[in-house]
Each structure stands twice: as structure tokens, then as C-alpha cells.
Amino acid sequence: MRQILISVLALWSSLCGGMSLAEGGSVARIGESGEFLEMEYQVNGQLSKDSLPLYRAEGVRYFSAGVGIDERTAEYPPFSLKLVFTAGGKPFLAGVAVTIQSAKGGPSINIPSDHVNGPWLFVELPSGTYHLTAVHAGQTQGLKGVTVETGKMKTVHLRWPEE
């Protein structure tokens, strides 16, 4: 019985190994132009590349990701803030407009909903404390006093009720 179980597990393991989409994981780097995030990943032993737009607002860089297994398993540059958007029990919510305001005042960073095409939003903020406002489908979520440090990623989850 044990020998049969080991054989079945070995066969299953070899079959599943061939179906893996992201063998070895993905790596995302800021491209030479500074306008894109370049992703490299392996699919069936072949190197594949993709890119995500890198935006700027008030001198702050940001990008949206988290769609598909390659984006969810990628290793990203250490942007100081990662926002994760969900609605009800769904793990994916895109199209969220975000406003970030320094607690000390100054100009707001406005990120339009069409720049957020995935459930994750990475923002490269300088060290400090910020107030966040996020709007999806006319419903607003807000957080005050979010503190970030340059070089360390702070992850904040924003959940809307079921749509």
C-alpha cells in the first residue's frame, strides 16, 4: 500500500510540476526609462518578459499590480506603501481612486482609478505619516495616520462591502 501511495504521489508531483506557470518566481525591476516596471518570469523553462506602467504624481512614483500568478508571486522594488483592495470576500478589486495627503500638509497625491488596474497599489512615499482616501463605486474608505519608512514596505488593506 505504501509503495503504491509513493508512486502515485511521485507521478502527481511530476505532472503538477509541468503545469506550473511561474517556475522560480518573478522579478520586477524599474526599467531604464523609468516609465515601466519590467517583469521577468519563467514559463515552461522559457524566459518571458512583461511590463507594467510606472506613473508619477507630485514627484511620487507608483504602479498597480497583483493580476495573475506571475504578478502575485513577483518580487517588487521596496516601495514604502502597498495598498491592497478587496470587496466582500473577493480577493480582487481594481479601479480604485486614491488620494494621499501628508499629515504635515502640502499638495495631495491623486491617483486616478484608471491607473489602478489590479488589487495592489505600490507607492514610493518618503518617510512620514499620511492620510489615505480611496474611492470605489462611489463608496469611500479612509485611513488617518499611516506611517511609512523609506526602504521598508508598509502594507495596508482596504475592504469595501460586497458589491
N, C-alpha and C. Protein backbone atom coordinates (compact mmCIF):
# COMPACT_ATOMS: atom_id res chain seq x y z
N MET A 1 0.83 -1.20 0.00
CA MET A 1 0.00 0.00 0.00
C MET A 1 0.87 1.25 0.00
N ARG A 2 1.90 1.26 0.85
CA ARG A 2 2.78 2.42 0.95
C ARG A 2 3.49 2.66 -0.38
N GLN A 3 3.94 1.57 -1.04
CA GLN A 3 4.65 1.70 -2.32
C GLN A 3 3.73 2.31 -3.38
N ILE A 4 2.48 1.94 -3.40
CA ILE A 4 1.52 2.49 -4.36
C ILE A 4 1.31 3.98 -4.09
N LEU A 5 1.16 4.35 -2.82
CA LEU A 5 0.98 5.75 -2.45
C LEU A 5 2.17 6.59 -2.87
N ILE A 6 3.39 6.09 -2.65
CA ILE A 6 4.59 6.82 -3.05
C ILE A 6 4.63 6.99 -4.56
N SER A 7 4.29 5.94 -5.31
CA SER A 7 4.28 6.02 -6.77
C SER A 7 3.25 7.03 -7.27
N VAL A 8 2.07 7.03 -6.68
CA VAL A 8 1.02 7.97 -7.08
C VAL A 8 1.45 9.41 -6.78
N LEU A 9 2.02 9.63 -5.60
CA LEU A 9 2.50 10.97 -5.24
C LEU A 9 3.62 11.43 -6.17
N ALA A 10 4.53 10.55 -6.53
CA ALA A 10 5.62 10.91 -7.44
C ALA A 10 5.06 11.28 -8.82
N LEU A 11 4.12 10.50 -9.33
CA LEU A 11 3.50 10.80 -10.62
C LEU A 11 2.76 12.13 -10.57
N TRP A 12 1.96 12.35 -9.54
CA TRP A 12 1.20 13.60 -9.39
C TRP A 12 2.13 14.79 -9.32
N SER A 13 3.22 14.65 -8.56
CA SER A 13 4.19 15.73 -8.41
C SER A 13 4.83 16.08 -9.75
N SER A 14 5.19 15.09 -10.55
CA SER A 14 5.82 15.37 -11.84
C SER A 14 4.83 16.00 -12.80
N LEU A 15 3.57 15.58 -12.75
CA LEU A 15 2.56 16.18 -13.62
C LEU A 15 2.29 17.63 -13.24
N CYS A 16 2.16 17.91 -11.96
CA CYS A 16 1.89 19.27 -11.50
C CYS A 16 3.08 20.18 -11.75
N GLY A 17 4.26 19.64 -11.65
CA GLY A 17 5.45 20.45 -11.90
C GLY A 17 5.47 20.99 -13.32
N GLY A 18 4.96 20.24 -14.29
CA GLY A 18 4.91 20.68 -15.67
C GLY A 18 3.85 21.73 -15.92
N MET A 19 2.89 21.89 -14.99
CA MET A 19 1.82 22.85 -15.20
C MET A 19 2.08 24.17 -14.50
N SER A 20 3.18 24.27 -13.80
CA SER A 20 3.48 25.49 -13.05
C SER A 20 3.64 26.68 -13.99
N LEU A 21 3.00 27.79 -13.68
CA LEU A 21 3.10 28.98 -14.51
C LEU A 21 4.33 29.81 -14.19
N ALA A 22 4.75 29.82 -12.94
CA ALA A 22 5.84 30.70 -12.54
C ALA A 22 6.96 29.89 -11.90
N GLU A 23 7.67 29.13 -12.71
CA GLU A 23 8.77 28.34 -12.19
C GLU A 23 9.88 29.27 -11.73
N GLY A 24 10.25 29.21 -10.48
CA GLY A 24 11.33 30.02 -9.98
C GLY A 24 10.92 31.42 -9.58
N GLY A 25 9.66 31.80 -9.76
CA GLY A 25 9.19 33.12 -9.33
C GLY A 25 9.49 34.21 -10.34
N SER A 26 8.92 35.38 -10.10
CA SER A 26 9.07 36.53 -10.97
C SER A 26 9.89 37.60 -10.27
N VAL A 27 10.58 38.39 -11.07
CA VAL A 27 11.33 39.52 -10.54
C VAL A 27 10.89 40.76 -11.31
N ALA A 28 10.57 41.82 -10.59
CA ALA A 28 10.16 43.09 -11.21
C ALA A 28 11.20 44.16 -10.89
N ARG A 29 11.65 44.85 -11.94
CA ARG A 29 12.63 45.92 -11.79
C ARG A 29 12.15 47.16 -12.53
N ILE A 30 12.57 48.30 -12.05
CA ILE A 30 12.25 49.54 -12.75
C ILE A 30 13.11 49.58 -14.01
N GLY A 31 12.46 49.79 -15.16
CA GLY A 31 13.16 49.81 -16.44
C GLY A 31 14.08 51.01 -16.58
N GLU A 32 14.98 50.95 -17.55
CA GLU A 32 15.94 52.01 -17.77
C GLU A 32 15.29 53.37 -18.00
N SER A 33 14.16 53.38 -18.70
CA SER A 33 13.48 54.65 -19.00
C SER A 33 12.82 55.25 -17.76
N GLY A 34 12.58 54.41 -16.74
CA GLY A 34 11.89 54.86 -15.54
C GLY A 34 10.39 54.98 -15.73
N GLU A 35 9.88 54.58 -16.90
CA GLU A 35 8.45 54.69 -17.19
C GLU A 35 7.71 53.36 -17.05
N PHE A 36 8.44 52.28 -16.88
CA PHE A 36 7.83 50.96 -16.79
C PHE A 36 8.51 50.14 -15.71
N LEU A 37 7.77 49.19 -15.19
CA LEU A 37 8.30 48.17 -14.31
C LEU A 37 8.42 46.92 -15.17
N GLU A 38 9.62 46.41 -15.34
CA GLU A 38 9.84 45.24 -16.18
C GLU A 38 9.81 43.99 -15.32
N MET A 39 9.03 43.01 -15.76
CA MET A 39 8.90 41.75 -15.04
C MET A 39 9.51 40.63 -15.87
N GLU A 40 10.28 39.77 -15.21
CA GLU A 40 10.84 38.59 -15.85
C GLU A 40 10.38 37.38 -15.07
N TYR A 41 9.94 36.36 -15.79
CA TYR A 41 9.49 35.12 -15.15
C TYR A 41 9.68 33.97 -16.11
N GLN A 42 9.65 32.75 -15.57
CA GLN A 42 9.83 31.57 -16.40
C GLN A 42 8.51 30.84 -16.57
N VAL A 43 8.24 30.45 -17.81
CA VAL A 43 7.06 29.63 -18.12
C VAL A 43 7.56 28.45 -18.93
N ASN A 44 7.39 27.25 -18.38
CA ASN A 44 7.84 26.02 -19.04
C ASN A 44 9.28 26.11 -19.49
N GLY A 45 10.13 26.65 -18.63
CA GLY A 45 11.56 26.73 -18.92
C GLY A 45 11.97 27.88 -19.83
N GLN A 46 11.02 28.66 -20.31
CA GLN A 46 11.30 29.79 -21.20
C GLN A 46 11.23 31.10 -20.41
N LEU A 47 12.18 32.00 -20.64
CA LEU A 47 12.17 33.31 -20.01
C LEU A 47 11.15 34.19 -20.72
N SER A 48 10.23 34.76 -19.96
CA SER A 48 9.22 35.67 -20.50
C SER A 48 9.37 37.02 -19.84
N LYS A 49 9.00 38.06 -20.57
CA LYS A 49 9.06 39.42 -20.03
C LYS A 49 7.73 40.11 -20.25
N ASP A 50 7.40 40.98 -19.30
CA ASP A 50 6.18 41.77 -19.37
C ASP A 50 6.50 43.11 -18.74
N SER A 51 5.62 44.07 -18.88
CA SER A 51 5.87 45.36 -18.24
C SER A 51 4.58 45.94 -17.68
N LEU A 52 4.74 46.74 -16.64
CA LEU A 52 3.64 47.46 -16.01
C LEU A 52 3.99 48.94 -16.06
N PRO A 53 3.02 49.82 -16.35
CA PRO A 53 3.33 51.25 -16.36
C PRO A 53 3.69 51.77 -14.97
N LEU A 54 4.67 52.66 -14.94
CA LEU A 54 5.10 53.31 -13.72
C LEU A 54 4.69 54.77 -13.84
N TYR A 55 3.83 55.22 -12.95
CA TYR A 55 3.27 56.58 -13.02
C TYR A 55 3.95 57.48 -12.00
N ARG A 56 3.71 58.80 -12.16
CA ARG A 56 4.21 59.80 -11.20
C ARG A 56 3.10 60.81 -10.91
N ALA A 57 3.05 61.23 -9.64
CA ALA A 57 2.15 62.30 -9.22
C ALA A 57 2.86 63.06 -8.11
N GLU A 58 2.98 64.36 -8.26
CA GLU A 58 3.66 65.20 -7.26
C GLU A 58 5.05 64.66 -6.92
N GLY A 59 5.75 64.14 -7.94
CA GLY A 59 7.10 63.63 -7.74
C GLY A 59 7.18 62.26 -7.10
N VAL A 60 6.04 61.60 -6.89
CA VAL A 60 5.99 60.29 -6.26
C VAL A 60 5.67 59.24 -7.32
N ARG A 61 6.46 58.15 -7.35
CA ARG A 61 6.21 57.07 -8.31
C ARG A 61 5.24 56.05 -7.71
N TYR A 62 4.43 55.44 -8.60
CA TYR A 62 3.50 54.40 -8.16
C TYR A 62 3.17 53.49 -9.32
N PHE A 63 2.71 52.28 -9.00
CA PHE A 63 2.25 51.34 -10.02
C PHE A 63 1.24 50.39 -9.39
N SER A 64 0.44 49.77 -10.25
CA SER A 64 -0.58 48.82 -9.82
C SER A 64 -0.21 47.44 -10.34
N ALA A 65 -0.48 46.40 -9.52
CA ALA A 65 -0.15 45.03 -9.90
C ALA A 65 -1.06 44.07 -9.15
N GLY A 66 -0.75 42.77 -9.25
CA GLY A 66 -1.47 41.76 -8.50
C GLY A 66 -2.46 40.95 -9.32
N VAL A 67 -2.43 41.12 -10.65
CA VAL A 67 -3.32 40.35 -11.53
C VAL A 67 -2.54 39.13 -12.03
N GLY A 68 -3.04 37.96 -11.81
CA GLY A 68 -2.38 36.75 -12.29
C GLY A 68 -1.30 36.26 -11.34
N ILE A 69 -0.95 35.00 -11.50
CA ILE A 69 0.01 34.37 -10.59
C ILE A 69 1.40 34.99 -10.69
N ASP A 70 1.82 35.38 -11.89
CA ASP A 70 3.16 35.95 -12.04
C ASP A 70 3.29 37.26 -11.29
N GLU A 71 2.26 38.11 -11.33
CA GLU A 71 2.30 39.37 -10.61
C GLU A 71 2.17 39.15 -9.10
N ARG A 72 1.36 38.18 -8.69
CA ARG A 72 1.16 37.94 -7.26
C ARG A 72 2.38 37.32 -6.59
N THR A 73 3.21 36.61 -7.35
CA THR A 73 4.38 35.96 -6.76
C THR A 73 5.67 36.73 -7.03
N ALA A 74 5.58 37.84 -7.71
CA ALA A 74 6.79 38.60 -8.08
C ALA A 74 7.45 39.26 -6.88
N GLU A 75 8.72 39.47 -7.02
CA GLU A 75 9.50 40.22 -6.05
C GLU A 75 9.59 41.65 -6.59
N TYR A 76 9.04 42.62 -5.85
CA TYR A 76 8.95 44.00 -6.31
C TYR A 76 9.98 44.89 -5.63
N PRO A 77 10.29 46.03 -6.27
CA PRO A 77 11.16 47.01 -5.61
C PRO A 77 10.52 47.45 -4.29
N PRO A 78 11.33 47.86 -3.32
CA PRO A 78 10.80 48.18 -1.98
C PRO A 78 10.13 49.56 -1.89
N PHE A 79 8.97 49.71 -2.54
CA PHE A 79 8.21 50.95 -2.39
C PHE A 79 7.67 50.97 -0.96
N SER A 80 7.55 52.15 -0.38
CA SER A 80 7.24 52.25 1.05
C SER A 80 5.80 51.92 1.43
N LEU A 81 4.86 51.97 0.47
CA LEU A 81 3.46 51.70 0.78
C LEU A 81 2.86 50.75 -0.25
N LYS A 82 2.20 49.71 0.25
CA LYS A 82 1.45 48.79 -0.60
C LYS A 82 0.01 48.79 -0.10
N LEU A 83 -0.92 49.20 -0.97
CA LEU A 83 -2.34 49.16 -0.65
C LEU A 83 -2.94 47.93 -1.32
N VAL A 84 -3.76 47.20 -0.58
CA VAL A 84 -4.43 46.00 -1.09
C VAL A 84 -5.93 46.26 -1.03
N PHE A 85 -6.60 46.13 -2.19
CA PHE A 85 -8.02 46.44 -2.31
C PHE A 85 -8.85 45.17 -2.48
N THR A 86 -9.89 45.03 -1.64
CA THR A 86 -10.82 43.91 -1.76
C THR A 86 -12.24 44.40 -1.52
N ALA A 87 -13.21 43.59 -1.96
CA ALA A 87 -14.62 43.89 -1.70
C ALA A 87 -15.28 42.61 -1.23
N GLY A 88 -15.88 42.65 -0.05
CA GLY A 88 -16.51 41.45 0.49
C GLY A 88 -15.50 40.34 0.59
N GLY A 89 -15.82 39.18 0.08
CA GLY A 89 -14.90 38.05 0.11
C GLY A 89 -14.03 37.93 -1.13
N LYS A 90 -14.13 38.90 -2.06
CA LYS A 90 -13.36 38.82 -3.29
C LYS A 90 -11.92 39.29 -3.06
N PRO A 91 -10.95 38.55 -3.60
CA PRO A 91 -9.56 38.95 -3.40
C PRO A 91 -9.09 39.98 -4.42
N PHE A 92 -9.94 40.43 -5.32
CA PHE A 92 -9.50 41.30 -6.40
C PHE A 92 -10.44 42.48 -6.53
N LEU A 93 -9.91 43.68 -6.49
CA LEU A 93 -10.70 44.88 -6.72
C LEU A 93 -9.80 45.90 -7.42
N ALA A 94 -10.19 46.34 -8.58
CA ALA A 94 -9.43 47.33 -9.35
C ALA A 94 -10.29 48.56 -9.54
N GLY A 95 -9.72 49.59 -10.17
CA GLY A 95 -10.48 50.79 -10.45
C GLY A 95 -10.74 51.64 -9.22
N VAL A 96 -9.78 51.69 -8.31
CA VAL A 96 -9.91 52.47 -7.08
C VAL A 96 -9.13 53.78 -7.25
N ALA A 97 -9.79 54.90 -6.99
CA ALA A 97 -9.11 56.20 -6.99
C ALA A 97 -8.57 56.46 -5.59
N VAL A 98 -7.34 56.94 -5.50
CA VAL A 98 -6.69 57.11 -4.20
C VAL A 98 -6.14 58.53 -4.08
N THR A 99 -6.33 59.12 -2.91
CA THR A 99 -5.72 60.41 -2.58
C THR A 99 -4.87 60.21 -1.33
N ILE A 100 -3.63 60.68 -1.40
CA ILE A 100 -2.71 60.57 -0.27
C ILE A 100 -2.29 61.98 0.12
N GLN A 101 -2.45 62.29 1.39
CA GLN A 101 -2.13 63.61 1.91
C GLN A 101 -1.15 63.46 3.07
N SER A 102 -0.06 64.20 3.03
CA SER A 102 0.87 64.19 4.15
C SER A 102 0.17 64.77 5.38
N ALA A 103 0.41 64.20 6.54
CA ALA A 103 -0.17 64.72 7.78
C ALA A 103 0.34 66.13 8.08
N LYS A 104 1.48 66.49 7.50
CA LYS A 104 2.06 67.82 7.68
C LYS A 104 1.48 68.84 6.71
N GLY A 105 0.63 68.39 5.78
CA GLY A 105 0.06 69.29 4.77
C GLY A 105 0.85 69.21 3.48
N GLY A 106 0.57 70.15 2.59
CA GLY A 106 1.21 70.14 1.28
C GLY A 106 0.29 69.59 0.23
N PRO A 107 0.79 69.50 -1.01
CA PRO A 107 -0.08 69.02 -2.09
C PRO A 107 -0.45 67.54 -1.93
N SER A 108 -1.66 67.21 -2.34
CA SER A 108 -2.13 65.83 -2.31
C SER A 108 -1.58 65.06 -3.50
N ILE A 109 -1.43 63.78 -3.31
CA ILE A 109 -1.08 62.87 -4.41
C ILE A 109 -2.39 62.23 -4.83
N ASN A 110 -2.80 62.51 -6.06
CA ASN A 110 -4.07 61.99 -6.58
C ASN A 110 -3.79 60.91 -7.61
N ILE A 111 -4.26 59.70 -7.33
CA ILE A 111 -4.06 58.56 -8.23
C ILE A 111 -5.42 58.21 -8.82
N PRO A 112 -5.59 58.42 -10.14
CA PRO A 112 -6.89 58.14 -10.75
C PRO A 112 -7.20 56.65 -10.83
N SER A 113 -8.48 56.33 -10.84
CA SER A 113 -8.91 54.93 -10.85
C SER A 113 -8.42 54.17 -12.08
N ASP A 114 -8.22 54.86 -13.22
CA ASP A 114 -7.76 54.15 -14.42
C ASP A 114 -6.28 53.78 -14.35
N HIS A 115 -5.56 54.24 -13.33
CA HIS A 115 -4.18 53.83 -13.11
C HIS A 115 -4.09 52.63 -12.16
N VAL A 116 -5.23 52.22 -11.60
CA VAL A 116 -5.26 51.10 -10.65
C VAL A 116 -6.02 49.95 -11.31
N ASN A 117 -5.27 49.14 -12.07
CA ASN A 117 -5.91 48.04 -12.80
C ASN A 117 -5.67 46.69 -12.14
N GLY A 118 -5.26 46.70 -10.89
CA GLY A 118 -5.07 45.49 -10.12
C GLY A 118 -5.42 45.74 -8.66
N PRO A 119 -5.39 44.70 -7.85
CA PRO A 119 -5.77 44.85 -6.45
C PRO A 119 -4.67 45.42 -5.55
N TRP A 120 -3.48 45.60 -6.10
CA TRP A 120 -2.36 46.14 -5.33
C TRP A 120 -1.94 47.48 -5.92
N LEU A 121 -1.65 48.42 -5.05
CA LEU A 121 -1.11 49.71 -5.47
C LEU A 121 0.14 49.96 -4.64
N PHE A 122 1.29 50.07 -5.31
CA PHE A 122 2.57 50.34 -4.67
C PHE A 122 2.88 51.82 -4.85
N VAL A 123 3.23 52.52 -3.76
CA VAL A 123 3.51 53.95 -3.81
C VAL A 123 4.85 54.19 -3.11
N GLU A 124 5.73 54.93 -3.78
CA GLU A 124 7.06 55.22 -3.24
C GLU A 124 7.03 56.58 -2.53
N LEU A 125 6.58 56.56 -1.29
CA LEU A 125 6.46 57.78 -0.49
C LEU A 125 7.72 57.99 0.34
N PRO A 126 8.07 59.26 0.60
CA PRO A 126 9.14 59.49 1.56
C PRO A 126 8.65 59.15 2.98
N SER A 127 9.59 58.93 3.87
CA SER A 127 9.23 58.62 5.26
C SER A 127 8.31 59.71 5.80
N GLY A 128 7.28 59.28 6.53
CA GLY A 128 6.36 60.24 7.11
C GLY A 128 5.03 59.60 7.46
N THR A 129 4.09 60.44 7.86
CA THR A 129 2.75 60.00 8.21
C THR A 129 1.76 60.60 7.22
N TYR A 130 0.82 59.77 6.77
CA TYR A 130 -0.10 60.16 5.69
C TYR A 130 -1.54 59.81 6.04
N HIS A 131 -2.45 60.54 5.41
CA HIS A 131 -3.87 60.24 5.46
C HIS A 131 -4.27 59.74 4.07
N LEU A 132 -5.00 58.63 4.03
CA LEU A 132 -5.39 57.99 2.76
C LEU A 132 -6.90 58.05 2.58
N THR A 133 -7.32 58.31 1.36
CA THR A 133 -8.73 58.22 0.98
C THR A 133 -8.79 57.41 -0.30
N ALA A 134 -9.64 56.40 -0.32
CA ALA A 134 -9.80 55.55 -1.50
C ALA A 134 -11.28 55.46 -1.84
N VAL A 135 -11.59 55.61 -3.14
CA VAL A 135 -12.99 55.61 -3.58
C VAL A 135 -13.17 54.54 -4.66
N HIS A 136 -14.19 53.70 -4.45
CA HIS A 136 -14.57 52.70 -5.45
C HIS A 136 -16.09 52.65 -5.53
N ALA A 137 -16.61 52.75 -6.74
CA ALA A 137 -18.06 52.68 -6.98
C ALA A 137 -18.84 53.62 -6.06
N GLY A 138 -18.30 54.82 -5.85
CA GLY A 138 -18.97 55.82 -5.05
C GLY A 138 -18.85 55.64 -3.54
N GLN A 139 -18.19 54.59 -3.10
CA GLN A 139 -18.00 54.34 -1.66
C GLN A 139 -16.57 54.68 -1.26
N THR A 140 -16.43 55.39 -0.14
CA THR A 140 -15.13 55.89 0.30
C THR A 140 -14.63 55.14 1.53
N GLN A 141 -13.35 54.83 1.51
CA GLN A 141 -12.64 54.27 2.66
C GLN A 141 -11.55 55.27 3.02
N GLY A 142 -11.34 55.53 4.29
CA GLY A 142 -10.31 56.46 4.70
C GLY A 142 -9.51 55.93 5.87
N LEU A 143 -8.23 56.28 5.87
CA LEU A 143 -7.35 55.94 6.98
C LEU A 143 -6.49 57.15 7.30
N LYS A 144 -6.37 57.45 8.57
CA LYS A 144 -5.53 58.56 9.00
C LYS A 144 -4.34 58.01 9.78
N GLY A 145 -3.23 58.71 9.67
CA GLY A 145 -2.06 58.35 10.47
C GLY A 145 -1.31 57.12 10.03
N VAL A 146 -1.23 56.87 8.72
CA VAL A 146 -0.45 55.74 8.21
C VAL A 146 1.01 56.19 8.11
N THR A 147 1.88 55.54 8.86
CA THR A 147 3.29 55.91 8.90
C THR A 147 4.10 54.96 8.04
N VAL A 148 4.94 55.52 7.16
CA VAL A 148 5.80 54.71 6.30
C VAL A 148 7.25 55.14 6.49
N GLU A 149 8.16 54.20 6.15
CA GLU A 149 9.59 54.48 6.19
C GLU A 149 10.18 54.11 4.84
N THR A 150 11.04 54.96 4.31
CA THR A 150 11.72 54.68 3.05
C THR A 150 12.52 53.39 3.20
N GLY A 151 12.44 52.51 2.19
CA GLY A 151 13.18 51.26 2.21
C GLY A 151 12.47 50.11 2.91
N LYS A 152 11.34 50.40 3.59
CA LYS A 152 10.54 49.36 4.24
C LYS A 152 9.12 49.44 3.69
N MET A 153 8.53 48.29 3.39
CA MET A 153 7.19 48.29 2.83
C MET A 153 6.13 48.14 3.92
N LYS A 154 5.22 49.10 3.96
CA LYS A 154 4.06 49.06 4.87
C LYS A 154 2.87 48.60 4.02
N THR A 155 2.19 47.52 4.43
CA THR A 155 1.04 47.01 3.69
C THR A 155 -0.23 47.39 4.43
N VAL A 156 -1.17 48.00 3.70
CA VAL A 156 -2.45 48.43 4.26
C VAL A 156 -3.56 47.81 3.42
N HIS A 157 -4.52 47.16 4.09
CA HIS A 157 -5.66 46.54 3.41
C HIS A 157 -6.88 47.45 3.51
N LEU A 158 -7.53 47.67 2.38
CA LEU A 158 -8.78 48.44 2.35
C LEU A 158 -9.86 47.53 1.77
N ARG A 159 -10.93 47.32 2.55
CA ARG A 159 -12.01 46.40 2.14
C ARG A 159 -13.33 47.15 2.06
N TRP A 160 -14.00 46.97 0.94
CA TRP A 160 -15.35 47.52 0.75
C TRP A 160 -16.34 46.41 0.99
N PRO A 161 -17.58 46.78 1.34
CA PRO A 161 -18.61 45.74 1.49
C PRO A 161 -18.88 45.06 0.15
N GLU A 162 -19.54 43.95 0.21
CA GLU A 162 -19.90 43.19 -1.01
C GLU A 162 -20.59 44.12 -2.00
N GLU A 163 -20.21 44.01 -3.28
CA GLU A 163 -20.79 44.88 -4.31
C GLU A 163 -22.20 44.47 -4.68
